[in-house]
Amino acid sequence: MLEIEKLKKVSAMSRRMFLINNICSELGVDIYYLFGLLNMYNVKNRGRWFWQKATFTGVLKDDFDKFNSFMDRFSGQFKAYDQQKVDAALEQSQNLLQKLIIDLETSMFIDRQVDSSSVKMYVDDNIKSLISQSLKGL
């Protein structure tokens, strides 16, 4: 059960990171695994030159855009939500994130049980710091 009143008082970034961490926990996935998957996709799909970042296409683009826009709305409107709305939004966001993770794993031929630790190695220090700073005090 989330401490809704406490989350209403923190910054939008901290709230968003906390919610993503909570969703990951509910799915049995580490938040570092999620960000590792995203960074791994970027590394494996970027262009030949350092400035050519990878972009999602097709199903992955749809999945990422749906999850990201949903989380923008959810964390932005969180202060107006009651427990029932929060629970419904968490359930919907879990479904969106689960689909994104499964599609990322499928596109990169990742077996979560076998490759989890190697995927987490793709999380750089900046992302680790962002996660820890955002979750500090929560």
N, C-alpha and C. Protein backbone atom coordinates (compact mmCIF):
# COMPACT_ATOMS: atom_id res chain seq x y z
N MET A 1 0.85 -1.17 0.00
CA MET A 1 0.00 0.00 0.00
C MET A 1 0.90 1.24 0.00
N LEU A 2 0.64 2.13 -0.91
CA LEU A 2 1.41 3.36 -1.02
C LEU A 2 0.96 4.37 0.03
N GLU A 3 1.90 5.16 0.50
CA GLU A 3 1.58 6.27 1.40
C GLU A 3 1.25 7.47 0.52
N ILE A 4 -0.01 7.56 0.14
CA ILE A 4 -0.45 8.56 -0.83
C ILE A 4 -0.16 9.98 -0.36
N GLU A 5 -0.48 10.28 0.88
CA GLU A 5 -0.29 11.66 1.38
C GLU A 5 1.18 12.06 1.35
N LYS A 6 2.07 11.12 1.67
CA LYS A 6 3.50 11.42 1.65
C LYS A 6 3.96 11.67 0.21
N LEU A 7 3.46 10.86 -0.73
CA LEU A 7 3.85 11.03 -2.13
C LEU A 7 3.33 12.33 -2.74
N LYS A 8 2.23 12.81 -2.24
CA LYS A 8 1.68 14.06 -2.75
C LYS A 8 2.58 15.25 -2.44
N LYS A 9 3.44 15.11 -1.43
CA LYS A 9 4.28 16.22 -0.97
C LYS A 9 5.66 16.26 -1.63
N VAL A 10 6.05 15.21 -2.32
CA VAL A 10 7.40 15.17 -2.91
C VAL A 10 7.37 15.73 -4.33
N SER A 11 8.55 15.95 -4.88
CA SER A 11 8.65 16.49 -6.24
C SER A 11 8.08 15.50 -7.26
N ALA A 12 7.71 16.01 -8.41
CA ALA A 12 7.14 15.17 -9.46
C ALA A 12 8.13 14.09 -9.90
N MET A 13 9.42 14.44 -9.99
CA MET A 13 10.44 13.47 -10.39
C MET A 13 10.56 12.35 -9.37
N SER A 14 10.61 12.70 -8.10
CA SER A 14 10.70 11.68 -7.04
C SER A 14 9.46 10.81 -7.03
N ARG A 15 8.31 11.43 -7.20
CA ARG A 15 7.05 10.68 -7.22
C ARG A 15 7.05 9.70 -8.39
N ARG A 16 7.44 10.18 -9.55
CA ARG A 16 7.47 9.32 -10.75
C ARG A 16 8.43 8.15 -10.55
N MET A 17 9.62 8.43 -10.04
CA MET A 17 10.61 7.37 -9.84
C MET A 17 10.11 6.37 -8.79
N PHE A 18 9.50 6.87 -7.73
CA PHE A 18 8.95 5.99 -6.70
C PHE A 18 7.87 5.09 -7.29
N LEU A 19 6.99 5.67 -8.09
CA LEU A 19 5.91 4.88 -8.70
C LEU A 19 6.48 3.83 -9.65
N ILE A 20 7.46 4.19 -10.45
CA ILE A 20 8.08 3.22 -11.36
C ILE A 20 8.76 2.11 -10.56
N ASN A 21 9.45 2.48 -9.49
CA ASN A 21 10.09 1.49 -8.63
C ASN A 21 9.05 0.55 -8.02
N ASN A 22 7.94 1.11 -7.57
CA ASN A 22 6.87 0.31 -6.99
C ASN A 22 6.26 -0.64 -8.03
N ILE A 23 6.05 -0.15 -9.22
CA ILE A 23 5.50 -0.97 -10.30
C ILE A 23 6.46 -2.10 -10.64
N CYS A 24 7.74 -1.78 -10.73
CA CYS A 24 8.75 -2.81 -11.00
C CYS A 24 8.72 -3.88 -9.92
N SER A 25 8.64 -3.47 -8.67
CA SER A 25 8.59 -4.43 -7.56
C SER A 25 7.37 -5.34 -7.68
N GLU A 26 6.23 -4.77 -8.03
CA GLU A 26 5.02 -5.56 -8.20
C GLU A 26 5.17 -6.58 -9.33
N LEU A 27 5.94 -6.24 -10.33
CA LEU A 27 6.17 -7.14 -11.46
C LEU A 27 7.31 -8.11 -11.20
N GLY A 28 8.00 -7.95 -10.07
CA GLY A 28 9.13 -8.83 -9.76
C GLY A 28 10.38 -8.48 -10.55
N VAL A 29 10.49 -7.20 -10.92
CA VAL A 29 11.62 -6.72 -11.71
C VAL A 29 12.31 -5.61 -10.92
N ASP A 30 13.62 -5.60 -10.96
CA ASP A 30 14.40 -4.55 -10.32
C ASP A 30 14.38 -3.31 -11.21
N ILE A 31 14.29 -2.13 -10.61
CA ILE A 31 14.28 -0.89 -11.39
C ILE A 31 15.58 -0.73 -12.19
N TYR A 32 16.68 -1.24 -11.65
CA TYR A 32 17.95 -1.17 -12.37
C TYR A 32 17.93 -2.08 -13.60
N TYR A 33 17.17 -3.16 -13.53
CA TYR A 33 17.00 -4.04 -14.69
C TYR A 33 16.25 -3.29 -15.79
N LEU A 34 15.20 -2.58 -15.41
CA LEU A 34 14.42 -1.80 -16.39
C LEU A 34 15.31 -0.78 -17.10
N PHE A 35 16.03 0.03 -16.33
CA PHE A 35 16.88 1.04 -16.94
C PHE A 35 18.05 0.41 -17.69
N GLY A 36 18.51 -0.75 -17.22
CA GLY A 36 19.53 -1.50 -17.94
C GLY A 36 19.04 -1.94 -19.31
N LEU A 37 17.79 -2.43 -19.36
CA LEU A 37 17.20 -2.82 -20.65
C LEU A 37 17.14 -1.63 -21.61
N LEU A 38 16.71 -0.49 -21.09
CA LEU A 38 16.60 0.70 -21.95
C LEU A 38 17.97 1.13 -22.46
N ASN A 39 18.98 1.13 -21.59
CA ASN A 39 20.33 1.51 -22.02
C ASN A 39 20.93 0.47 -22.96
N MET A 40 20.66 -0.81 -22.68
CA MET A 40 21.15 -1.89 -23.54
C MET A 40 20.58 -1.74 -24.95
N TYR A 41 19.30 -1.43 -25.03
CA TYR A 41 18.67 -1.22 -26.34
C TYR A 41 19.38 -0.08 -27.08
N ASN A 42 19.66 1.00 -26.36
CA ASN A 42 20.34 2.14 -26.97
C ASN A 42 21.72 1.75 -27.48
N VAL A 43 22.47 1.02 -26.68
CA VAL A 43 23.82 0.62 -27.07
C VAL A 43 23.79 -0.30 -28.29
N LYS A 44 22.88 -1.24 -28.29
CA LYS A 44 22.84 -2.22 -29.37
C LYS A 44 22.21 -1.69 -30.66
N ASN A 45 21.49 -0.58 -30.58
CA ASN A 45 20.76 -0.10 -31.75
C ASN A 45 21.13 1.31 -32.19
N ARG A 46 22.13 1.89 -31.59
CA ARG A 46 22.49 3.25 -32.02
C ARG A 46 23.28 3.17 -33.32
N GLY A 47 23.45 4.32 -33.91
CA GLY A 47 24.15 4.40 -35.18
C GLY A 47 25.65 4.22 -35.03
N ARG A 48 26.31 4.35 -36.13
CA ARG A 48 27.75 4.16 -36.18
C ARG A 48 28.51 5.26 -35.46
N TRP A 49 27.95 6.46 -35.44
CA TRP A 49 28.62 7.60 -34.84
C TRP A 49 28.05 7.88 -33.46
N PHE A 50 28.86 8.47 -32.59
CA PHE A 50 28.48 8.67 -31.19
C PHE A 50 27.21 9.50 -31.02
N TRP A 51 26.92 10.38 -31.96
CA TRP A 51 25.74 11.24 -31.82
C TRP A 51 24.46 10.57 -32.32
N GLN A 52 24.58 9.40 -32.91
CA GLN A 52 23.41 8.71 -33.44
C GLN A 52 22.80 7.80 -32.38
N LYS A 53 21.86 8.34 -31.65
CA LYS A 53 21.18 7.59 -30.59
C LYS A 53 20.18 6.63 -31.21
N ALA A 54 19.91 5.56 -30.48
CA ALA A 54 18.88 4.62 -30.92
C ALA A 54 17.50 5.23 -30.66
N THR A 55 16.58 4.92 -31.51
CA THR A 55 15.20 5.33 -31.29
C THR A 55 14.32 4.09 -31.40
N PHE A 56 13.28 4.08 -30.60
CA PHE A 56 12.35 2.97 -30.67
C PHE A 56 11.55 3.09 -31.96
N THR A 57 11.22 1.94 -32.52
CA THR A 57 10.38 1.89 -33.70
C THR A 57 9.31 0.83 -33.50
N GLY A 58 8.26 0.93 -34.27
CA GLY A 58 7.22 -0.09 -34.26
C GLY A 58 6.56 -0.28 -32.91
N VAL A 59 6.45 -1.53 -32.51
CA VAL A 59 5.78 -1.90 -31.27
C VAL A 59 6.49 -1.30 -30.06
N LEU A 60 7.82 -1.32 -30.06
CA LEU A 60 8.56 -0.76 -28.93
C LEU A 60 8.28 0.73 -28.77
N LYS A 61 8.20 1.44 -29.87
CA LYS A 61 7.88 2.88 -29.80
C LYS A 61 6.50 3.08 -29.20
N ASP A 62 5.54 2.30 -29.67
CA ASP A 62 4.18 2.41 -29.14
C ASP A 62 4.15 2.09 -27.65
N ASP A 63 4.82 1.00 -27.26
CA ASP A 63 4.84 0.59 -25.84
C ASP A 63 5.48 1.67 -24.97
N PHE A 64 6.64 2.17 -25.41
CA PHE A 64 7.35 3.18 -24.64
C PHE A 64 6.54 4.46 -24.54
N ASP A 65 5.99 4.90 -25.66
CA ASP A 65 5.19 6.13 -25.66
C ASP A 65 3.96 6.01 -24.77
N LYS A 66 3.29 4.87 -24.83
CA LYS A 66 2.10 4.66 -23.99
C LYS A 66 2.47 4.69 -22.51
N PHE A 67 3.53 3.96 -22.15
CA PHE A 67 3.94 3.93 -20.75
C PHE A 67 4.40 5.31 -20.29
N ASN A 68 5.23 5.95 -21.08
CA ASN A 68 5.79 7.25 -20.70
C ASN A 68 4.70 8.31 -20.57
N SER A 69 3.79 8.37 -21.53
CA SER A 69 2.73 9.38 -21.45
C SER A 69 1.77 9.07 -20.30
N PHE A 70 1.51 7.79 -20.06
CA PHE A 70 0.66 7.43 -18.93
C PHE A 70 1.30 7.85 -17.61
N MET A 71 2.61 7.60 -17.47
CA MET A 71 3.31 7.96 -16.24
C MET A 71 3.38 9.48 -16.08
N ASP A 72 3.50 10.21 -17.17
CA ASP A 72 3.46 11.68 -17.10
C ASP A 72 2.14 12.15 -16.50
N ARG A 73 1.04 11.62 -17.02
CA ARG A 73 -0.28 12.00 -16.51
C ARG A 73 -0.47 11.53 -15.08
N PHE A 74 -0.11 10.28 -14.81
CA PHE A 74 -0.31 9.69 -13.49
C PHE A 74 0.45 10.46 -12.42
N SER A 75 1.73 10.69 -12.64
CA SER A 75 2.52 11.40 -11.62
C SER A 75 2.13 12.87 -11.54
N GLY A 76 1.72 13.45 -12.66
CA GLY A 76 1.32 14.85 -12.66
C GLY A 76 -0.01 15.11 -11.97
N GLN A 77 -0.94 14.18 -12.11
CA GLN A 77 -2.27 14.34 -11.53
C GLN A 77 -2.42 13.60 -10.21
N PHE A 78 -1.35 13.02 -9.73
CA PHE A 78 -1.38 12.18 -8.53
C PHE A 78 -2.01 12.88 -7.33
N LYS A 79 -1.73 14.16 -7.17
CA LYS A 79 -2.23 14.90 -6.01
C LYS A 79 -3.75 14.92 -5.94
N ALA A 80 -4.41 14.79 -7.08
CA ALA A 80 -5.87 14.83 -7.12
C ALA A 80 -6.50 13.44 -6.97
N TYR A 81 -5.66 12.40 -6.91
CA TYR A 81 -6.18 11.03 -6.87
C TYR A 81 -6.48 10.57 -5.46
N ASP A 82 -7.52 9.76 -5.32
CA ASP A 82 -7.78 9.08 -4.06
C ASP A 82 -7.22 7.65 -4.18
N GLN A 83 -7.36 6.86 -3.13
CA GLN A 83 -6.79 5.52 -3.11
C GLN A 83 -7.31 4.66 -4.27
N GLN A 84 -8.57 4.75 -4.56
CA GLN A 84 -9.17 3.94 -5.62
C GLN A 84 -8.57 4.30 -6.99
N LYS A 85 -8.42 5.58 -7.27
CA LYS A 85 -7.83 6.02 -8.54
C LYS A 85 -6.36 5.63 -8.63
N VAL A 86 -5.65 5.74 -7.50
CA VAL A 86 -4.24 5.35 -7.48
C VAL A 86 -4.11 3.86 -7.79
N ASP A 87 -4.93 3.04 -7.14
CA ASP A 87 -4.87 1.59 -7.37
C ASP A 87 -5.18 1.24 -8.83
N ALA A 88 -6.18 1.89 -9.40
CA ALA A 88 -6.53 1.64 -10.81
C ALA A 88 -5.40 2.06 -11.74
N ALA A 89 -4.80 3.22 -11.46
CA ALA A 89 -3.70 3.71 -12.29
C ALA A 89 -2.47 2.82 -12.16
N LEU A 90 -2.21 2.33 -10.95
CA LEU A 90 -1.08 1.42 -10.75
C LEU A 90 -1.27 0.13 -11.54
N GLU A 91 -2.48 -0.39 -11.53
CA GLU A 91 -2.75 -1.62 -12.27
C GLU A 91 -2.56 -1.40 -13.77
N GLN A 92 -3.06 -0.29 -14.27
CA GLN A 92 -2.90 0.01 -15.69
C GLN A 92 -1.43 0.22 -16.05
N SER A 93 -0.70 0.92 -15.20
CA SER A 93 0.71 1.16 -15.49
C SER A 93 1.53 -0.12 -15.41
N GLN A 94 1.15 -1.04 -14.54
CA GLN A 94 1.82 -2.34 -14.47
C GLN A 94 1.67 -3.09 -15.79
N ASN A 95 0.47 -3.07 -16.34
CA ASN A 95 0.23 -3.75 -17.62
C ASN A 95 1.06 -3.12 -18.73
N LEU A 96 1.12 -1.80 -18.76
CA LEU A 96 1.89 -1.10 -19.79
C LEU A 96 3.39 -1.39 -19.65
N LEU A 97 3.89 -1.35 -18.42
CA LEU A 97 5.32 -1.60 -18.20
C LEU A 97 5.68 -3.05 -18.49
N GLN A 98 4.81 -3.95 -18.09
CA GLN A 98 5.09 -5.37 -18.34
C GLN A 98 5.20 -5.63 -19.84
N LYS A 99 4.31 -5.05 -20.62
CA LYS A 99 4.37 -5.22 -22.07
C LYS A 99 5.66 -4.62 -22.64
N LEU A 100 6.05 -3.44 -22.16
CA LEU A 100 7.28 -2.82 -22.63
C LEU A 100 8.49 -3.70 -22.31
N ILE A 101 8.56 -4.20 -21.09
CA ILE A 101 9.70 -5.03 -20.69
C ILE A 101 9.76 -6.30 -21.52
N ILE A 102 8.63 -6.96 -21.67
CA ILE A 102 8.60 -8.21 -22.45
C ILE A 102 9.01 -7.96 -23.90
N ASP A 103 8.52 -6.88 -24.48
CA ASP A 103 8.88 -6.58 -25.87
C ASP A 103 10.35 -6.19 -26.01
N LEU A 104 10.90 -5.48 -25.02
CA LEU A 104 12.34 -5.19 -25.05
C LEU A 104 13.16 -6.47 -24.95
N GLU A 105 12.78 -7.35 -24.02
CA GLU A 105 13.48 -8.62 -23.85
C GLU A 105 13.41 -9.45 -25.13
N THR A 106 12.25 -9.48 -25.74
CA THR A 106 12.07 -10.25 -26.97
C THR A 106 12.91 -9.68 -28.10
N SER A 107 12.93 -8.37 -28.24
CA SER A 107 13.67 -7.76 -29.35
C SER A 107 15.17 -7.95 -29.22
N MET A 108 15.66 -8.11 -27.98
CA MET A 108 17.10 -8.28 -27.78
C MET A 108 17.47 -9.70 -27.38
N PHE A 109 16.51 -10.62 -27.44
CA PHE A 109 16.74 -12.02 -27.10
C PHE A 109 17.30 -12.17 -25.69
N ILE A 110 16.65 -11.53 -24.74
CA ILE A 110 17.07 -11.55 -23.34
C ILE A 110 16.22 -12.55 -22.57
N ASP A 111 16.88 -13.40 -21.80
CA ASP A 111 16.19 -14.29 -20.86
C ASP A 111 16.42 -13.69 -19.47
N ARG A 112 15.37 -13.19 -18.87
CA ARG A 112 15.49 -12.46 -17.60
C ARG A 112 16.21 -13.27 -16.54
N GLN A 113 15.91 -14.57 -16.45
CA GLN A 113 16.51 -15.41 -15.40
C GLN A 113 18.02 -15.55 -15.60
N VAL A 114 18.44 -15.63 -16.84
CA VAL A 114 19.85 -15.86 -17.15
C VAL A 114 20.63 -14.55 -17.27
N ASP A 115 20.04 -13.55 -17.89
CA ASP A 115 20.76 -12.34 -18.28
C ASP A 115 20.57 -11.14 -17.36
N SER A 116 19.87 -11.30 -16.26
CA SER A 116 19.53 -10.17 -15.40
C SER A 116 20.75 -9.37 -14.95
N SER A 117 21.77 -10.05 -14.47
CA SER A 117 22.94 -9.33 -13.96
C SER A 117 23.70 -8.62 -15.08
N SER A 118 23.77 -9.22 -16.26
CA SER A 118 24.47 -8.55 -17.36
C SER A 118 23.68 -7.36 -17.88
N VAL A 119 22.35 -7.43 -17.84
CA VAL A 119 21.52 -6.29 -18.25
C VAL A 119 21.74 -5.12 -17.29
N LYS A 120 21.80 -5.40 -16.00
CA LYS A 120 21.98 -4.34 -15.00
C LYS A 120 23.32 -3.62 -15.15
N MET A 121 24.29 -4.27 -15.78
CA MET A 121 25.60 -3.63 -15.98
C MET A 121 25.51 -2.47 -16.98
N TYR A 122 24.44 -2.39 -17.73
CA TYR A 122 24.25 -1.30 -18.69
C TYR A 122 23.77 -0.01 -18.03
N VAL A 123 23.44 -0.07 -16.75
CA VAL A 123 23.01 1.14 -16.04
C VAL A 123 24.26 1.94 -15.67
N ASP A 124 24.36 3.15 -16.18
CA ASP A 124 25.55 3.96 -15.90
C ASP A 124 25.40 4.69 -14.57
N ASP A 125 26.48 5.29 -14.13
CA ASP A 125 26.50 5.97 -12.83
C ASP A 125 25.51 7.13 -12.75
N ASN A 126 25.30 7.83 -13.86
CA ASN A 126 24.34 8.94 -13.86
C ASN A 126 22.93 8.45 -13.57
N ILE A 127 22.55 7.35 -14.18
CA ILE A 127 21.21 6.79 -13.95
C ILE A 127 21.10 6.26 -12.53
N LYS A 128 22.15 5.58 -12.06
CA LYS A 128 22.14 5.08 -10.67
C LYS A 128 21.96 6.23 -9.69
N SER A 129 22.67 7.31 -9.93
CA SER A 129 22.58 8.48 -9.07
C SER A 129 21.19 9.10 -9.14
N LEU A 130 20.64 9.21 -10.34
CA LEU A 130 19.29 9.76 -10.51
C LEU A 130 18.27 8.93 -9.75
N ILE A 131 18.37 7.61 -9.85
CA ILE A 131 17.43 6.73 -9.15
C ILE A 131 17.57 6.89 -7.64
N SER A 132 18.80 6.82 -7.14
CA SER A 132 18.99 6.90 -5.69
C SER A 132 18.60 8.27 -5.14
N GLN A 133 18.92 9.35 -5.85
CA GLN A 133 18.54 10.69 -5.39
C GLN A 133 17.02 10.88 -5.41
N SER A 134 16.38 10.33 -6.43
CA SER A 134 14.92 10.47 -6.53
C SER A 134 14.19 9.68 -5.46
N LEU A 135 14.77 8.55 -5.07
CA LEU A 135 14.11 7.69 -4.07
C LEU A 135 14.54 8.00 -2.65
N LYS A 136 15.50 8.91 -2.49
CA LYS A 136 16.00 9.26 -1.16
C LYS A 136 14.87 9.81 -0.29
N GLY A 137 14.74 9.26 0.88
CA GLY A 137 13.73 9.73 1.82
C GLY A 137 12.35 9.13 1.62
N LEU A 138 12.20 8.31 0.60
CA LEU A 138 10.90 7.67 0.37
C LEU A 138 11.03 6.25 0.80
